[in-house]
N, C-alpha and C. Protein backbone atom coordinates (compact mmCIF):
# COMPACT_ATOMS: atom_id res chain seq x y z
N MET A 1 -9.02 5.66 7.69
CA MET A 1 -8.55 6.49 8.76
C MET A 1 -8.14 5.61 9.93
N LYS A 2 -7.09 6.04 10.62
CA LYS A 2 -6.68 5.31 11.80
C LYS A 2 -6.36 6.30 12.91
N LEU A 3 -6.92 6.06 14.07
CA LEU A 3 -6.57 6.80 15.28
C LEU A 3 -6.35 5.74 16.35
N THR A 4 -5.17 5.77 16.94
CA THR A 4 -4.83 4.74 17.92
C THR A 4 -4.83 5.33 19.33
N THR A 5 -4.58 4.46 20.31
CA THR A 5 -4.47 4.93 21.68
C THR A 5 -3.31 5.91 21.83
N ARG A 6 -2.33 5.81 20.96
CA ARG A 6 -1.19 6.75 21.00
C ARG A 6 -1.70 8.19 20.92
N SER A 7 -2.62 8.45 20.00
CA SER A 7 -3.17 9.81 19.86
C SER A 7 -4.03 10.17 21.05
N SER A 8 -4.87 9.27 21.47
CA SER A 8 -5.74 9.53 22.61
C SER A 8 -4.92 9.84 23.86
N TYR A 9 -3.92 9.02 24.14
CA TYR A 9 -3.08 9.24 25.30
C TYR A 9 -2.27 10.53 25.16
N GLY A 10 -1.77 10.78 23.96
CA GLY A 10 -0.99 12.00 23.72
C GLY A 10 -1.81 13.25 23.98
N VAL A 11 -3.03 13.27 23.48
CA VAL A 11 -3.90 14.43 23.70
C VAL A 11 -4.19 14.59 25.20
N ARG A 12 -4.52 13.48 25.86
CA ARG A 12 -4.81 13.54 27.30
C ARG A 12 -3.61 14.07 28.09
N ALA A 13 -2.43 13.59 27.78
CA ALA A 13 -1.23 14.03 28.49
C ALA A 13 -0.95 15.51 28.22
N LEU A 14 -1.15 15.93 26.99
CA LEU A 14 -0.89 17.34 26.65
C LEU A 14 -1.91 18.27 27.28
N ILE A 15 -3.12 17.78 27.52
CA ILE A 15 -4.10 18.60 28.24
C ILE A 15 -3.56 18.91 29.63
N ASP A 16 -2.95 17.92 30.28
CA ASP A 16 -2.35 18.15 31.60
C ASP A 16 -1.29 19.25 31.52
N LEU A 17 -0.44 19.21 30.52
CA LEU A 17 0.58 20.25 30.37
C LEU A 17 -0.05 21.60 30.07
N ALA A 18 -1.11 21.61 29.28
CA ALA A 18 -1.79 22.86 28.93
C ALA A 18 -2.44 23.50 30.16
N VAL A 19 -3.02 22.68 31.01
CA VAL A 19 -3.64 23.20 32.24
C VAL A 19 -2.58 23.87 33.11
N MET A 20 -1.39 23.31 33.13
CA MET A 20 -0.30 23.83 33.97
C MET A 20 0.56 24.88 33.25
N TYR A 21 0.23 25.21 32.03
CA TYR A 21 1.07 26.06 31.19
C TYR A 21 1.43 27.40 31.85
N GLY A 22 0.48 28.06 32.48
CA GLY A 22 0.71 29.35 33.10
C GLY A 22 1.70 29.31 34.25
N GLU A 23 1.86 28.17 34.86
CA GLU A 23 2.78 28.03 36.00
C GLU A 23 4.23 27.86 35.58
N LYS A 24 4.46 27.50 34.33
CA LYS A 24 5.83 27.31 33.80
C LYS A 24 6.63 26.27 34.58
N LYS A 25 5.93 25.32 35.20
CA LYS A 25 6.61 24.26 35.94
C LYS A 25 6.55 22.97 35.14
N PRO A 26 7.68 22.28 35.01
CA PRO A 26 7.67 21.00 34.30
C PRO A 26 6.83 19.95 35.04
N VAL A 27 6.24 19.07 34.27
CA VAL A 27 5.44 17.98 34.82
C VAL A 27 6.14 16.68 34.44
N SER A 28 6.31 15.80 35.40
CA SER A 28 7.02 14.55 35.14
C SER A 28 6.13 13.55 34.40
N ILE A 29 6.79 12.70 33.64
CA ILE A 29 6.09 11.62 32.92
C ILE A 29 5.35 10.75 33.93
N SER A 30 6.00 10.42 35.04
CA SER A 30 5.36 9.53 36.02
C SER A 30 4.12 10.17 36.62
N ASN A 31 4.14 11.48 36.84
CA ASN A 31 2.98 12.18 37.37
C ASN A 31 1.80 12.09 36.39
N ILE A 32 2.07 12.39 35.12
CA ILE A 32 1.02 12.33 34.09
C ILE A 32 0.53 10.90 33.92
N ALA A 33 1.47 9.95 33.84
CA ALA A 33 1.12 8.55 33.62
C ALA A 33 0.20 8.04 34.73
N LYS A 34 0.54 8.37 35.97
CA LYS A 34 -0.28 7.93 37.09
C LYS A 34 -1.67 8.56 37.03
N LYS A 35 -1.70 9.86 36.81
CA LYS A 35 -2.97 10.60 36.76
C LYS A 35 -3.88 10.11 35.64
N GLU A 36 -3.28 9.80 34.49
CA GLU A 36 -4.06 9.41 33.31
C GLU A 36 -4.20 7.90 33.12
N GLY A 37 -3.52 7.12 33.96
CA GLY A 37 -3.60 5.67 33.83
C GLY A 37 -2.93 5.14 32.57
N ILE A 38 -1.76 5.71 32.27
CA ILE A 38 -1.00 5.35 31.06
C ILE A 38 0.35 4.78 31.51
N SER A 39 0.83 3.79 30.80
CA SER A 39 2.15 3.23 31.08
C SER A 39 3.24 4.30 30.92
N ASN A 40 4.16 4.35 31.91
CA ASN A 40 5.29 5.29 31.84
C ASN A 40 6.09 5.12 30.55
N ILE A 41 6.36 3.87 30.21
CA ILE A 41 7.18 3.58 29.02
C ILE A 41 6.48 4.07 27.76
N PHE A 42 5.20 3.78 27.64
CA PHE A 42 4.45 4.20 26.46
C PHE A 42 4.37 5.72 26.39
N LEU A 43 4.15 6.36 27.52
CA LEU A 43 4.06 7.83 27.55
C LEU A 43 5.40 8.46 27.21
N GLU A 44 6.48 7.84 27.65
CA GLU A 44 7.82 8.33 27.30
C GLU A 44 8.03 8.29 25.78
N GLN A 45 7.60 7.22 25.14
CA GLN A 45 7.70 7.12 23.68
C GLN A 45 6.88 8.23 23.01
N ILE A 46 5.69 8.46 23.52
CA ILE A 46 4.82 9.51 22.96
C ILE A 46 5.49 10.87 23.11
N PHE A 47 6.03 11.15 24.29
CA PHE A 47 6.66 12.45 24.52
C PHE A 47 7.94 12.61 23.70
N ASN A 48 8.65 11.53 23.43
CA ASN A 48 9.82 11.64 22.55
C ASN A 48 9.41 12.10 21.16
N GLN A 49 8.31 11.56 20.64
CA GLN A 49 7.82 12.00 19.33
C GLN A 49 7.41 13.46 19.38
N LEU A 50 6.68 13.83 20.42
CA LEU A 50 6.22 15.22 20.55
C LEU A 50 7.39 16.18 20.73
N LYS A 51 8.43 15.74 21.42
CA LYS A 51 9.62 16.56 21.60
C LYS A 51 10.35 16.74 20.26
N ASN A 52 10.48 15.66 19.51
CA ASN A 52 11.15 15.74 18.21
C ASN A 52 10.44 16.67 17.23
N GLN A 53 9.14 16.81 17.38
CA GLN A 53 8.36 17.69 16.50
C GLN A 53 8.21 19.10 17.06
N GLY A 54 8.78 19.36 18.24
CA GLY A 54 8.74 20.71 18.81
C GLY A 54 7.45 21.07 19.54
N THR A 55 6.68 20.07 19.93
CA THR A 55 5.45 20.35 20.67
C THR A 55 5.72 20.51 22.16
N VAL A 56 6.65 19.72 22.68
CA VAL A 56 7.03 19.81 24.09
C VAL A 56 8.54 19.98 24.21
N LYS A 57 8.96 20.45 25.38
CA LYS A 57 10.38 20.55 25.71
C LYS A 57 10.60 19.80 27.00
N SER A 58 11.77 19.17 27.12
CA SER A 58 12.10 18.49 28.37
C SER A 58 12.97 19.42 29.21
N VAL A 59 12.78 19.30 30.51
CA VAL A 59 13.56 20.07 31.47
C VAL A 59 14.27 19.06 32.36
N ARG A 60 15.59 19.14 32.42
CA ARG A 60 16.38 18.20 33.21
C ARG A 60 16.43 18.61 34.67
N GLY A 61 16.79 17.65 35.50
CA GLY A 61 17.01 17.96 36.91
C GLY A 61 15.99 17.29 37.81
N PRO A 62 16.20 17.43 39.12
CA PRO A 62 15.33 16.77 40.08
C PRO A 62 13.86 17.23 39.98
N LYS A 63 13.64 18.44 39.59
CA LYS A 63 12.27 18.94 39.42
C LYS A 63 11.94 19.06 37.94
N GLY A 64 12.59 18.23 37.15
CA GLY A 64 12.41 18.28 35.71
C GLY A 64 11.15 17.57 35.25
N GLY A 65 10.99 17.57 33.96
CA GLY A 65 9.83 16.95 33.34
C GLY A 65 9.62 17.56 31.96
N TYR A 66 8.37 17.78 31.62
CA TYR A 66 8.04 18.34 30.31
C TYR A 66 7.16 19.56 30.46
N VAL A 67 7.33 20.48 29.51
CA VAL A 67 6.47 21.65 29.38
C VAL A 67 6.12 21.79 27.90
N LEU A 68 5.05 22.50 27.63
CA LEU A 68 4.71 22.77 26.23
C LEU A 68 5.76 23.70 25.65
N ALA A 69 6.13 23.48 24.41
CA ALA A 69 7.14 24.31 23.74
C ALA A 69 6.54 25.59 23.18
N LYS A 70 5.22 25.65 23.11
CA LYS A 70 4.53 26.84 22.62
C LYS A 70 3.17 26.94 23.30
N SER A 71 2.52 28.02 23.09
CA SER A 71 1.23 28.28 23.73
C SER A 71 0.19 27.22 23.37
N PRO A 72 -0.63 26.81 24.35
CA PRO A 72 -1.68 25.83 24.07
C PRO A 72 -2.66 26.30 22.99
N SER A 73 -2.80 27.61 22.85
CA SER A 73 -3.72 28.13 21.83
C SER A 73 -3.17 27.96 20.42
N SER A 74 -1.89 27.63 20.30
CA SER A 74 -1.30 27.45 18.97
C SER A 74 -1.07 25.99 18.60
N ILE A 75 -1.50 25.07 19.46
CA ILE A 75 -1.34 23.64 19.19
C ILE A 75 -2.71 23.03 18.95
N THR A 76 -2.93 22.55 17.73
CA THR A 76 -4.23 21.94 17.42
C THR A 76 -4.20 20.44 17.67
N VAL A 77 -5.36 19.88 17.83
CA VAL A 77 -5.48 18.44 17.98
C VAL A 77 -4.95 17.77 16.71
N TYR A 78 -5.20 18.38 15.56
CA TYR A 78 -4.69 17.82 14.31
C TYR A 78 -3.16 17.71 14.33
N GLU A 79 -2.49 18.75 14.82
CA GLU A 79 -1.03 18.74 14.89
C GLU A 79 -0.54 17.58 15.77
N ILE A 80 -1.21 17.36 16.88
CA ILE A 80 -0.82 16.28 17.80
C ILE A 80 -1.02 14.93 17.12
N VAL A 81 -2.20 14.74 16.54
CA VAL A 81 -2.51 13.45 15.89
C VAL A 81 -1.56 13.20 14.73
N LYS A 82 -1.29 14.21 13.93
CA LYS A 82 -0.38 14.04 12.79
C LYS A 82 1.03 13.66 13.28
N THR A 83 1.47 14.28 14.36
CA THR A 83 2.78 13.95 14.92
C THR A 83 2.82 12.51 15.39
N LEU A 84 1.78 12.06 16.05
CA LEU A 84 1.80 10.73 16.67
C LEU A 84 1.40 9.60 15.72
N GLU A 85 0.60 9.91 14.72
CA GLU A 85 0.11 8.87 13.81
C GLU A 85 0.72 8.92 12.43
N GLY A 86 1.32 10.04 12.05
CA GLY A 86 1.66 10.24 10.65
C GLY A 86 0.37 10.61 9.94
N SER A 87 0.17 10.12 8.77
CA SER A 87 -1.08 10.39 8.07
C SER A 87 -2.20 9.59 8.73
N ILE A 88 -3.31 10.26 9.02
CA ILE A 88 -4.45 9.54 9.59
C ILE A 88 -5.42 9.09 8.51
N PHE A 89 -5.08 9.39 7.27
CA PHE A 89 -5.97 9.05 6.18
C PHE A 89 -5.41 7.88 5.40
N SER A 90 -6.29 7.04 4.98
CA SER A 90 -5.89 5.91 4.16
C SER A 90 -5.30 6.45 2.88
N GLU A 91 -4.26 5.83 2.43
CA GLU A 91 -3.68 6.26 1.17
C GLU A 91 -4.36 5.59 -0.01
N ARG A 92 -5.49 4.98 0.24
CA ARG A 92 -6.21 4.33 -0.84
C ARG A 92 -6.58 5.36 -1.92
N CYS A 93 -6.85 6.60 -1.49
CA CYS A 93 -7.21 7.64 -2.45
C CYS A 93 -6.17 8.75 -2.46
N ILE A 94 -6.08 9.48 -1.32
CA ILE A 94 -5.15 10.60 -1.26
C ILE A 94 -4.52 10.68 0.11
N ASP A 95 -3.46 11.46 0.19
CA ASP A 95 -2.88 11.86 1.46
C ASP A 95 -3.33 13.30 1.66
N ALA A 96 -4.39 13.49 2.42
CA ALA A 96 -4.99 14.81 2.60
C ALA A 96 -4.30 15.62 3.68
N ASP A 97 -3.13 15.17 4.14
CA ASP A 97 -2.42 15.87 5.20
C ASP A 97 -1.60 17.05 4.69
N GLY A 98 -1.77 17.42 3.45
CA GLY A 98 -1.06 18.57 2.93
C GLY A 98 0.25 18.22 2.24
N GLY A 99 0.59 16.98 2.20
CA GLY A 99 1.81 16.56 1.50
C GLY A 99 1.49 16.36 0.03
N GLU A 100 2.34 15.66 -0.64
CA GLU A 100 2.05 15.37 -2.04
C GLU A 100 0.81 14.51 -2.11
N GLN A 101 0.01 14.78 -3.10
CA GLN A 101 -1.21 14.00 -3.25
C GLN A 101 -0.85 12.64 -3.84
N LYS A 102 -1.24 11.59 -3.14
CA LYS A 102 -0.98 10.23 -3.59
C LYS A 102 -2.29 9.67 -4.09
N VAL A 103 -2.33 9.33 -5.32
CA VAL A 103 -3.57 8.84 -5.91
C VAL A 103 -3.39 7.38 -6.28
N CYS A 104 -4.38 6.58 -5.92
CA CYS A 104 -4.27 5.16 -6.25
C CYS A 104 -4.47 4.96 -7.76
N ARG A 105 -4.15 3.81 -8.22
CA ARG A 105 -4.22 3.54 -9.67
C ARG A 105 -5.65 3.48 -10.19
N ARG A 106 -6.63 3.38 -9.30
CA ARG A 106 -8.03 3.32 -9.72
C ARG A 106 -8.73 4.67 -9.65
N SER A 107 -8.05 5.72 -9.22
CA SER A 107 -8.72 6.98 -8.91
C SER A 107 -9.49 7.57 -10.09
N GLY A 108 -9.02 7.39 -11.29
CA GLY A 108 -9.70 7.94 -12.45
C GLY A 108 -11.03 7.27 -12.75
N ARG A 109 -11.22 6.08 -12.24
CA ARG A 109 -12.46 5.35 -12.51
C ARG A 109 -13.15 4.88 -11.22
N CYS A 110 -12.89 5.59 -10.12
CA CYS A 110 -13.44 5.21 -8.82
C CYS A 110 -14.60 6.13 -8.47
N ALA A 111 -15.77 5.56 -8.37
CA ALA A 111 -16.97 6.34 -8.07
C ALA A 111 -16.99 6.83 -6.62
N SER A 112 -16.26 6.19 -5.72
CA SER A 112 -16.32 6.57 -4.31
C SER A 112 -15.21 7.53 -3.87
N LYS A 113 -14.26 7.84 -4.75
CA LYS A 113 -13.13 8.69 -4.38
C LYS A 113 -13.58 10.03 -3.81
N GLU A 114 -14.59 10.61 -4.39
CA GLU A 114 -15.07 11.91 -3.93
C GLU A 114 -15.55 11.83 -2.46
N VAL A 115 -16.18 10.73 -2.10
CA VAL A 115 -16.64 10.54 -0.73
C VAL A 115 -15.46 10.51 0.23
N TRP A 116 -14.44 9.72 -0.09
CA TRP A 116 -13.27 9.59 0.80
C TRP A 116 -12.50 10.89 0.89
N ASP A 117 -12.42 11.62 -0.20
CA ASP A 117 -11.76 12.93 -0.18
C ASP A 117 -12.49 13.87 0.78
N GLU A 118 -13.80 13.89 0.71
CA GLU A 118 -14.59 14.77 1.58
C GLU A 118 -14.49 14.34 3.03
N VAL A 119 -14.52 13.06 3.31
CA VAL A 119 -14.38 12.57 4.69
C VAL A 119 -13.03 13.04 5.25
N ALA A 120 -11.97 12.89 4.47
CA ALA A 120 -10.64 13.30 4.91
C ALA A 120 -10.61 14.80 5.19
N ARG A 121 -11.18 15.60 4.33
CA ARG A 121 -11.21 17.06 4.54
C ARG A 121 -11.98 17.42 5.81
N GLN A 122 -13.11 16.78 6.03
CA GLN A 122 -13.92 17.09 7.21
C GLN A 122 -13.23 16.68 8.51
N ILE A 123 -12.59 15.54 8.51
CA ILE A 123 -11.87 15.09 9.71
C ILE A 123 -10.74 16.06 10.02
N LYS A 124 -9.97 16.40 9.00
CA LYS A 124 -8.86 17.34 9.20
C LYS A 124 -9.38 18.68 9.70
N SER A 125 -10.43 19.17 9.10
CA SER A 125 -11.00 20.45 9.50
C SER A 125 -11.47 20.43 10.95
N THR A 126 -12.10 19.36 11.36
CA THR A 126 -12.57 19.24 12.74
C THR A 126 -11.40 19.21 13.72
N LEU A 127 -10.40 18.41 13.44
CA LEU A 127 -9.24 18.31 14.33
C LEU A 127 -8.47 19.62 14.40
N GLU A 128 -8.45 20.38 13.31
CA GLU A 128 -7.77 21.67 13.30
C GLU A 128 -8.53 22.74 14.09
N ARG A 129 -9.79 22.55 14.26
CA ARG A 129 -10.63 23.54 14.95
C ARG A 129 -10.41 23.55 16.47
N PHE A 130 -9.93 22.47 17.03
CA PHE A 130 -9.74 22.37 18.48
C PHE A 130 -8.27 22.53 18.84
N THR A 131 -8.02 23.41 19.82
CA THR A 131 -6.66 23.62 20.32
C THR A 131 -6.52 23.02 21.71
N LEU A 132 -5.29 22.91 22.17
CA LEU A 132 -5.06 22.45 23.54
C LEU A 132 -5.65 23.42 24.54
N LYS A 133 -5.67 24.70 24.22
CA LYS A 133 -6.30 25.68 25.11
C LYS A 133 -7.78 25.36 25.27
N ASP A 134 -8.46 25.07 24.16
CA ASP A 134 -9.88 24.71 24.22
C ASP A 134 -10.09 23.52 25.16
N LEU A 135 -9.27 22.50 24.98
CA LEU A 135 -9.43 21.28 25.77
C LEU A 135 -9.05 21.49 27.23
N ALA A 136 -8.00 22.28 27.48
CA ALA A 136 -7.61 22.57 28.86
C ALA A 136 -8.69 23.38 29.57
N ASP A 137 -9.26 24.35 28.88
CA ASP A 137 -10.35 25.14 29.47
C ASP A 137 -11.53 24.23 29.82
N ARG A 138 -11.86 23.29 28.93
CA ARG A 138 -12.95 22.35 29.20
C ARG A 138 -12.62 21.45 30.38
N ALA A 139 -11.37 20.99 30.43
CA ALA A 139 -10.96 20.10 31.53
C ALA A 139 -11.10 20.79 32.88
N VAL A 140 -10.70 22.06 32.96
CA VAL A 140 -10.79 22.81 34.21
C VAL A 140 -12.25 23.11 34.54
N LYS A 141 -13.04 23.36 33.53
CA LYS A 141 -14.47 23.62 33.76
C LYS A 141 -15.16 22.37 34.31
N ILE A 142 -14.81 21.22 33.74
CA ILE A 142 -15.39 19.95 34.19
C ILE A 142 -14.92 19.60 35.60
N ASP A 143 -13.62 19.83 35.87
CA ASP A 143 -13.05 19.51 37.17
C ASP A 143 -12.11 20.63 37.59
N PRO A 144 -12.61 21.65 38.30
CA PRO A 144 -11.78 22.79 38.69
C PRO A 144 -10.55 22.41 39.53
N ARG A 145 -10.55 21.24 40.14
CA ARG A 145 -9.38 20.80 40.93
C ARG A 145 -8.17 20.52 40.05
N ARG A 146 -8.38 20.37 38.74
CA ARG A 146 -7.26 20.09 37.85
C ARG A 146 -6.27 21.23 37.80
N SER A 147 -6.75 22.44 38.04
CA SER A 147 -5.88 23.61 37.96
C SER A 147 -5.43 24.03 39.34
N ASN A 148 -4.12 24.16 39.51
CA ASN A 148 -3.56 24.66 40.79
C ASN A 148 -3.36 26.16 40.75
N THR A 149 -3.75 26.76 39.65
CA THR A 149 -3.54 28.19 39.48
C THR A 149 -4.86 28.86 39.14
N LYS A 150 -4.96 30.11 39.49
CA LYS A 150 -6.18 30.87 39.20
C LYS A 150 -6.11 31.50 37.81
N SER A 151 -4.93 31.48 37.20
CA SER A 151 -4.78 32.15 35.90
C SER A 151 -5.40 31.33 34.78
N GLU A 152 -5.78 32.03 33.74
CA GLU A 152 -6.36 31.39 32.56
C GLU A 152 -5.26 30.66 31.80
N VAL A 153 -5.63 29.64 31.06
CA VAL A 153 -4.71 28.95 30.17
C VAL A 153 -4.45 29.86 28.99
N SER A 154 -3.17 30.05 28.63
CA SER A 154 -2.83 30.95 27.52
C SER A 154 -2.73 30.23 26.22
């Protein structure tokens, strides 16, 4: 399994958008980058991937930036990680991301394959259980100043 800073930064940045979701106002890359301590260039690359997969939309203009393309309650952490990392599972045994199953040449005689299959299923299940809404609600609960609006995250 591999999870890089790309996923961590992507989730953190999307939490910011999820907190602001009810306001329908775009948030600039520079604003998020400064708040989260992430390089503008790196965050731009992350948002390009997320935009290509339909997770965020860009808004042009002087007050432009990014907004979520769909409700925070419909975006799972798994979806974000899969977009930014590709498969998070080693292909040593299988690709448990729902694509074609890739089995290594030793799988028929590998005593540990069952363990790796179960680890992959559990990781995927855990990441699918959490949505951006869940994380945004937690972020506002931890620090109520994060939200400029009194409305709930949708």
